[in-house]
């Protein structure tokens, strides 16, 4: 009886060990080793363009492909908020709207390639438009959250020598508290339905630009 019990124990241990061994066993990789994009560039397998702009070289190219019927008309941008409101743009519409924002930054705010802009907004459509507009113009974008304190904002504006800040009503008062200590800050844009002293209204400027 004892011998039978020992045999049963040994059998259960062997099955358990065998199952674990099969479970953890890794299959041999038969596919050739894959190289990352950077590695392929270093090896000369891909050409690196001298000048590259994601907005014009990718987004606008896809927009033209849609116009030519070479690409299905899928949304380039699809935003939905917690209340169910949505904004949906094609690549052509995204290009149109982002160029309008780029004109606001360049023509009205006087920003040039290499200038810094600080952006503190939730992920609303305007946040994305400013991102693409900065790509188009070569303006350097710095993003921040609404949790930044006045000290945080002051440090970032001073260290970056930002010439413009774009935010909303929730953060505008915090910016006003430190703006006088930021000698390079020339323009403040507020994304709001109302107006605020010392600020340009982003929504109003966007509507009048072409």
C-alpha atoms as a PDB file:
ATOM      1  CA  UNK A   1       0.000   0.000   0.000  1.00  0.00           C
ATOM      2  CA  UNK A   2       2.840   2.356   0.895  1.00  0.00           C
ATOM      3  CA  UNK A   3       4.618   1.511  -2.358  1.00  0.00           C
ATOM      4  CA  UNK A   4       1.475   2.298  -4.386  1.00  0.00           C
ATOM      5  CA  UNK A   5       1.040   5.609  -2.551  1.00  0.00           C
ATOM      6  CA  UNK A   6       4.664   6.579  -3.302  1.00  0.00           C
ATOM      7  CA  UNK A   7       4.200   5.731  -6.977  1.00  0.00           C
ATOM      8  CA  UNK A   8       1.086   7.913  -7.175  1.00  0.00           C
ATOM      9  CA  UNK A   9       2.946  10.829  -5.531  1.00  0.00           C
ATOM     10  CA  UNK A  10       5.888  10.474  -7.928  1.00  0.00           C
ATOM     11  CA  UNK A  11       3.527  10.320 -10.889  1.00  0.00           C
ATOM     12  CA  UNK A  12       1.710  13.487  -9.820  1.00  0.00           C
ATOM     13  CA  UNK A  13       5.025  15.311  -9.307  1.00  0.00           C
ATOM     14  CA  UNK A  14       6.282  14.228 -12.748  1.00  0.00           C
ATOM     15  CA  UNK A  15       3.053  15.403 -14.448  1.00  0.00           C
ATOM     16  CA  UNK A  16       3.201  18.733 -12.598  1.00  0.00           C
ATOM     17  CA  UNK A  17       6.859  19.262 -13.492  1.00  0.00           C
ATOM     18  CA  UNK A  18       6.237  18.280 -17.106  1.00  0.00           C
ATOM     19  CA  UNK A  19       3.276  20.688 -17.388  1.00  0.00           C
ATOM     20  CA  UNK A  20       5.299  23.567 -15.989  1.00  0.00           C
ATOM     21  CA  UNK A  21       8.137  22.794 -18.358  1.00  0.00           C
ATOM     22  CA  UNK A  22       5.794  22.849 -21.353  1.00  0.00           C
ATOM     23  CA  UNK A  23       4.043  25.997 -20.156  1.00  0.00           C
ATOM     24  CA  UNK A  24       7.251  28.013 -19.789  1.00  0.00           C
ATOM     25  CA  UNK A  25       8.953  26.638 -22.874  1.00  0.00           C
ATOM     26  CA  UNK A  26       9.571  29.361 -25.433  1.00  0.00           C
ATOM     27  CA  UNK A  27       9.211  28.459 -29.125  1.00  0.00           C
ATOM     28  CA  UNK A  28      12.216  29.064 -31.340  1.00  0.00           C
ATOM     29  CA  UNK A  29      11.944  32.169 -33.444  1.00  0.00           C
ATOM     30  CA  UNK A  30      12.141  31.171 -37.074  1.00  0.00           C
ATOM     31  CA  UNK A  31      11.597  34.677 -38.501  1.00  0.00           C
ATOM     32  CA  UNK A  32      14.703  36.721 -39.362  1.00  0.00           C
ATOM     33  CA  UNK A  33      15.826  39.286 -36.847  1.00  0.00           C
ATOM     34  CA  UNK A  34      13.886  42.507 -37.175  1.00  0.00           C
ATOM     35  CA  UNK A  35      15.668  45.834 -37.166  1.00  0.00           C
ATOM     36  CA  UNK A  36      14.229  49.012 -35.750  1.00  0.00           C
ATOM     37  CA  UNK A  37      13.643  52.051 -37.894  1.00  0.00           C
ATOM     38  CA  UNK A  38      16.714  53.791 -36.482  1.00  0.00           C
ATOM     39  CA  UNK A  39      18.903  50.761 -37.120  1.00  0.00           C
ATOM     40  CA  UNK A  40      17.760  50.538 -40.723  1.00  0.00           C
ATOM     41  CA  UNK A  41      18.623  54.208 -41.213  1.00  0.00           C
ATOM     42  CA  UNK A  42      22.101  53.710 -39.714  1.00  0.00           C
ATOM     43  CA  UNK A  43      22.692  50.832 -42.081  1.00  0.00           C
ATOM     44  CA  UNK A  44      21.761  52.974 -45.044  1.00  0.00           C
ATOM     45  CA  UNK A  45      18.620  51.024 -45.887  1.00  0.00           C
ATOM     46  CA  UNK A  46      16.372  54.091 -45.660  1.00  0.00           C
ATOM     47  CA  UNK A  47      16.950  57.583 -46.930  1.00  0.00           C
ATOM     48  CA  UNK A  48      16.648  60.416 -44.425  1.00  0.00           C
ATOM     49  CA  UNK A  49      15.221  63.564 -46.022  1.00  0.00           C
ATOM     50  CA  UNK A  50      17.207  66.739 -45.504  1.00  0.00           C
ATOM     51  CA  UNK A  51      14.011  68.568 -44.596  1.00  0.00           C
ATOM     52  CA  UNK A  52      10.919  66.899 -43.163  1.00  0.00           C
ATOM     53  CA  UNK A  53       7.665  68.392 -41.960  1.00  0.00           C
ATOM     54  CA  UNK A  54       4.995  65.991 -40.725  1.00  0.00           C
ATOM     55  CA  UNK A  55       2.161  68.422 -41.455  1.00  0.00           C
ATOM     56  CA  UNK A  56       3.062  69.023 -45.096  1.00  0.00           C
ATOM     57  CA  UNK A  57       4.902  65.789 -45.946  1.00  0.00           C
ATOM     58  CA  UNK A  58       2.378  63.409 -44.381  1.00  0.00           C
ATOM     59  CA  UNK A  59      -0.954  65.034 -43.523  1.00  0.00           C
ATOM     60  CA  UNK A  60      -1.157  67.176 -46.645  1.00  0.00           C
ATOM     61  CA  UNK A  61       0.012  64.304 -48.819  1.00  0.00           C
ATOM     62  CA  UNK A  62      -2.771  62.076 -47.478  1.00  0.00           C
ATOM     63  CA  UNK A  63      -5.203  64.937 -48.066  1.00  0.00           C
ATOM     64  CA  UNK A  64      -4.161  65.103 -51.720  1.00  0.00           C
ATOM     65  CA  UNK A  65      -4.478  61.332 -52.028  1.00  0.00           C
ATOM     66  CA  UNK A  66      -8.059  61.616 -50.774  1.00  0.00           C
ATOM     67  CA  UNK A  67      -8.814  64.277 -53.384  1.00  0.00           C
ATOM     68  CA  UNK A  68      -7.302  62.102 -56.117  1.00  0.00           C
ATOM     69  CA  UNK A  69      -9.325  59.090 -55.013  1.00  0.00           C
ATOM     70  CA  UNK A  70      -6.193  57.127 -54.089  1.00  0.00           C
ATOM     71  CA  UNK A  71      -7.131  56.911 -50.410  1.00  0.00           C
ATOM     72  CA  UNK A  72     -10.441  56.199 -48.710  1.00  0.00           C
ATOM     73  CA  UNK A  73     -11.957  59.174 -46.941  1.00  0.00           C
ATOM     74  CA  UNK A  74     -11.390  58.156 -43.308  1.00  0.00           C
ATOM     75  CA  UNK A  75     -11.413  60.723 -40.485  1.00  0.00           C
ATOM     76  CA  UNK A  76      -8.011  62.235 -39.783  1.00  0.00           C
ATOM     77  CA  UNK A  77      -9.321  63.572 -36.485  1.00  0.00           C
ATOM     78  CA  UNK A  78     -12.222  62.300 -34.417  1.00  0.00           C
ATOM     79  CA  UNK A  79     -12.833  63.843 -31.004  1.00  0.00           C
ATOM     80  CA  UNK A  80     -15.664  63.007 -28.594  1.00  0.00           C
ATOM     81  CA  UNK A  81     -16.166  64.552 -25.164  1.00  0.00           C
ATOM     82  CA  UNK A  82     -17.908  63.161 -22.106  1.00  0.00           C
ATOM     83  CA  UNK A  83     -21.269  64.635 -23.145  1.00  0.00           C
ATOM     84  CA  UNK A  84     -21.206  62.902 -26.510  1.00  0.00           C
ATOM     85  CA  UNK A  85     -20.358  65.993 -28.562  1.00  0.00           C
ATOM     86  CA  UNK A  86     -17.969  65.185 -31.368  1.00  0.00           C
ATOM     87  CA  UNK A  87     -15.734  66.838 -33.934  1.00  0.00           C
ATOM     88  CA  UNK A  88     -14.752  64.877 -37.021  1.00  0.00           C
ATOM     89  CA  UNK A  89     -12.367  66.188 -39.680  1.00  0.00           C
ATOM     90  CA  UNK A  90     -11.025  64.699 -42.870  1.00  0.00           C
ATOM     91  CA  UNK A  91      -7.355  65.203 -43.747  1.00  0.00           C
ATOM     92  CA  UNK A  92      -8.365  68.105 -45.962  1.00  0.00           C
ATOM     93  CA  UNK A  93     -10.332  69.740 -43.142  1.00  0.00           C
ATOM     94  CA  UNK A  94      -7.540  69.163 -40.636  1.00  0.00           C
ATOM     95  CA  UNK A  95      -5.134  70.840 -43.053  1.00  0.00           C
ATOM     96  CA  UNK A  96      -7.495  73.762 -43.571  1.00  0.00           C
ATOM     97  CA  UNK A  97      -8.072  74.384 -39.855  1.00  0.00           C
ATOM     98  CA  UNK A  98      -4.414  73.955 -38.886  1.00  0.00           C
ATOM     99  CA  UNK A  99      -3.313  76.432 -41.569  1.00  0.00           C
ATOM    100  CA  UNK A 100      -5.722  78.990 -40.137  1.00  0.00           C
ATOM    101  CA  UNK A 101      -4.180  78.536 -36.692  1.00  0.00           C
ATOM    102  CA  UNK A 102      -0.702  78.761 -38.227  1.00  0.00           C
ATOM    103  CA  UNK A 103      -1.684  82.128 -39.740  1.00  0.00           C
ATOM    104  CA  UNK A 104      -2.878  83.329 -36.330  1.00  0.00           C
ATOM    105  CA  UNK A 105       0.459  82.432 -34.760  1.00  0.00           C
ATOM    106  CA  UNK A 106       2.568  83.860 -37.589  1.00  0.00           C
ATOM    107  CA  UNK A 107       0.627  86.913 -38.748  1.00  0.00           C
ATOM    108  CA  UNK A 108      -1.130  88.149 -35.619  1.00  0.00           C
ATOM    109  CA  UNK A 109       1.238  86.927 -32.919  1.00  0.00           C
ATOM    110  CA  UNK A 110       4.338  87.602 -35.034  1.00  0.00           C
ATOM    111  CA  UNK A 111       5.920  84.248 -34.206  1.00  0.00           C
ATOM    112  CA  UNK A 112       8.662  82.858 -36.423  1.00  0.00           C
ATOM    113  CA  UNK A 113      10.410  79.544 -36.869  1.00  0.00           C
ATOM    114  CA  UNK A 114      12.293  78.639 -33.689  1.00  0.00           C
ATOM    115  CA  UNK A 115      10.174  80.813 -31.386  1.00  0.00           C
ATOM    116  CA  UNK A 116       8.741  79.073 -28.321  1.00  0.00           C
ATOM    117  CA  UNK A 117       5.082  78.770 -27.436  1.00  0.00           C
ATOM    118  CA  UNK A 118       3.703  77.335 -24.216  1.00  0.00           C
ATOM    119  CA  UNK A 119       0.385  75.480 -24.488  1.00  0.00           C
ATOM    120  CA  UNK A 120      -1.709  74.641 -21.430  1.00  0.00           C
ATOM    121  CA  UNK A 121      -5.037  73.170 -22.492  1.00  0.00           C
ATOM    122  CA  UNK A 122      -7.003  69.966 -22.004  1.00  0.00           C
ATOM    123  CA  UNK A 123      -7.098  67.643 -25.038  1.00  0.00           C
ATOM    124  CA  UNK A 124      -9.747  69.646 -26.883  1.00  0.00           C
ATOM    125  CA  UNK A 125      -9.624  70.140 -30.684  1.00  0.00           C
ATOM    126  CA  UNK A 126      -7.748  73.437 -30.289  1.00  0.00           C
ATOM    127  CA  UNK A 127      -4.910  71.567 -28.558  1.00  0.00           C
ATOM    128  CA  UNK A 128      -4.402  69.405 -31.625  1.00  0.00           C
ATOM    129  CA  UNK A 129      -4.724  72.294 -34.070  1.00  0.00           C
ATOM    130  CA  UNK A 130      -2.009  74.265 -32.275  1.00  0.00           C
ATOM    131  CA  UNK A 131       0.245  71.191 -32.383  1.00  0.00           C
ATOM    132  CA  UNK A 132      -0.133  70.774 -36.144  1.00  0.00           C
ATOM    133  CA  UNK A 133       0.133  74.537 -36.727  1.00  0.00           C
ATOM    134  CA  UNK A 134       3.458  74.627 -34.883  1.00  0.00           C
ATOM    135  CA  UNK A 135       4.708  71.750 -37.027  1.00  0.00           C
ATOM    136  CA  UNK A 136       3.825  73.731 -40.145  1.00  0.00           C
ATOM    137  CA  UNK A 137       5.570  76.898 -39.040  1.00  0.00           C
ATOM    138  CA  UNK A 138       8.568  75.440 -37.217  1.00  0.00           C
ATOM    139  CA  UNK A 139       7.470  77.052 -33.966  1.00  0.00           C
ATOM    140  CA  UNK A 140       8.703  75.151 -30.905  1.00  0.00           C
ATOM    141  CA  UNK A 141       5.795  73.932 -28.806  1.00  0.00           C
ATOM    142  CA  UNK A 142       5.933  73.282 -25.060  1.00  0.00           C
ATOM    143  CA  UNK A 143       2.916  71.583 -23.520  1.00  0.00           C
ATOM    144  CA  UNK A 144       1.880  71.643 -19.895  1.00  0.00           C
ATOM    145  CA  UNK A 145      -1.039  70.568 -17.726  1.00  0.00           C
ATOM    146  CA  UNK A 146      -3.512  72.677 -15.791  1.00  0.00           C
ATOM    147  CA  UNK A 147      -1.946  71.298 -12.582  1.00  0.00           C
ATOM    148  CA  UNK A 148       1.096  73.536 -13.037  1.00  0.00           C
ATOM    149  CA  UNK A 149       1.460  76.107 -10.282  1.00  0.00           C
ATOM    150  CA  UNK A 150       2.357  79.762 -10.813  1.00  0.00           C
ATOM    151  CA  UNK A 151       5.946  78.913  -9.871  1.00  0.00           C
ATOM    152  CA  UNK A 152       6.004  76.087 -12.433  1.00  0.00           C
ATOM    153  CA  UNK A 153       4.682  78.314 -15.202  1.00  0.00           C
ATOM    154  CA  UNK A 154       7.070  81.127 -14.307  1.00  0.00           C
ATOM    155  CA  UNK A 155      10.079  78.815 -14.453  1.00  0.00           C
ATOM    156  CA  UNK A 156       9.082  77.352 -17.823  1.00  0.00           C
ATOM    157  CA  UNK A 157       8.395  80.719 -19.392  1.00  0.00           C
ATOM    158  CA  UNK A 158      11.665  82.191 -18.151  1.00  0.00           C
ATOM    159  CA  UNK A 159      13.839  79.171 -18.976  1.00  0.00           C
ATOM    160  CA  UNK A 160      12.404  78.752 -22.475  1.00  0.00           C
ATOM    161  CA  UNK A 161      12.132  82.473 -23.255  1.00  0.00           C
ATOM    162  CA  UNK A 162       8.687  81.743 -24.645  1.00  0.00           C
ATOM    163  CA  UNK A 163       7.127  84.572 -26.621  1.00  0.00           C
ATOM    164  CA  UNK A 164       3.553  83.295 -26.430  1.00  0.00           C
ATOM    165  CA  UNK A 165       1.304  81.279 -24.144  1.00  0.00           C
ATOM    166  CA  UNK A 166      -2.022  79.682 -25.058  1.00  0.00           C
ATOM    167  CA  UNK A 167      -4.414  78.562 -22.329  1.00  0.00           C
ATOM    168  CA  UNK A 168      -7.998  78.813 -21.072  1.00  0.00           C
ATOM    169  CA  UNK A 169      -9.964  80.647 -18.388  1.00  0.00           C
ATOM    170  CA  UNK A 170      -8.931  78.190 -15.670  1.00  0.00           C
ATOM    171  CA  UNK A 171      -5.210  78.958 -16.006  1.00  0.00           C
ATOM    172  CA  UNK A 172      -5.271  82.549 -17.263  1.00  0.00           C
ATOM    173  CA  UNK A 173      -5.300  84.142 -13.795  1.00  0.00           C
ATOM    174  CA  UNK A 174      -2.255  82.068 -12.784  1.00  0.00           C
ATOM    175  CA  UNK A 175      -0.411  83.248 -15.887  1.00  0.00           C
ATOM    176  CA  UNK A 176      -1.322  86.874 -15.160  1.00  0.00           C
ATOM    177  CA  UNK A 177       0.202  86.532 -11.688  1.00  0.00           C
ATOM    178  CA  UNK A 178       3.674  85.827 -13.153  1.00  0.00           C
ATOM    179  CA  UNK A 179       3.582  87.382 -16.638  1.00  0.00           C
ATOM    180  CA  UNK A 180       5.221  90.637 -15.531  1.00  0.00           C
ATOM    181  CA  UNK A 181       8.366  88.674 -14.605  1.00  0.00           C
ATOM    182  CA  UNK A 182       8.619  87.088 -18.068  1.00  0.00           C
ATOM    183  CA  UNK A 183      10.372  89.657 -20.252  1.00  0.00           C
ATOM    184  CA  UNK A 184      10.208  87.584 -23.427  1.00  0.00           C
ATOM    185  CA  UNK A 185       6.472  86.880 -23.207  1.00  0.00           C
ATOM    186  CA  UNK A 186       4.754  89.123 -25.756  1.00  0.00           C
ATOM    187  CA  UNK A 187       1.426  87.468 -26.521  1.00  0.00           C
ATOM    188  CA  UNK A 188      -1.208  85.701 -24.451  1.00  0.00           C
ATOM    189  CA  UNK A 189      -3.939  83.756 -26.263  1.00  0.00           C
ATOM    190  CA  UNK A 190      -7.002  82.531 -24.416  1.00  0.00           C
ATOM    191  CA  UNK A 191      -9.291  79.784 -25.713  1.00  0.00           C
ATOM    192  CA  UNK A 192     -12.571  81.071 -24.363  1.00  0.00           C
ATOM    193  CA  UNK A 193     -16.035  82.240 -25.351  1.00  0.00           C
ATOM    194  CA  UNK A 194     -15.448  85.459 -23.430  1.00  0.00           C
ATOM    195  CA  UNK A 195     -12.766  88.135 -23.396  1.00  0.00           C
ATOM    196  CA  UNK A 196     -10.076  88.855 -20.838  1.00  0.00           C
ATOM    197  CA  UNK A 197      -8.037  92.031 -20.407  1.00  0.00           C
ATOM    198  CA  UNK A 198      -4.517  91.708 -21.754  1.00  0.00           C
ATOM    199  CA  UNK A 199      -5.336  88.570 -23.758  1.00  0.00           C
ATOM    200  CA  UNK A 200      -6.125  87.912 -27.408  1.00  0.00           C
ATOM    201  CA  UNK A 201      -9.125  85.666 -27.928  1.00  0.00           C
ATOM    202  CA  UNK A 202      -8.065  82.570 -29.840  1.00  0.00           C
ATOM    203  CA  UNK A 203     -11.587  81.702 -31.004  1.00  0.00           C
ATOM    204  CA  UNK A 204     -12.255  85.161 -32.419  1.00  0.00           C
ATOM    205  CA  UNK A 205      -8.922  85.331 -34.248  1.00  0.00           C
ATOM    206  CA  UNK A 206      -9.422  81.868 -35.680  1.00  0.00           C
ATOM    207  CA  UNK A 207     -12.800  82.812 -37.158  1.00  0.00           C
ATOM    208  CA  UNK A 208     -11.438  85.843 -39.058  1.00  0.00           C
ATOM    209  CA  UNK A 209      -8.282  84.212 -40.465  1.00  0.00           C
ATOM    210  CA  UNK A 210      -8.169  82.597 -43.892  1.00  0.00           C
END
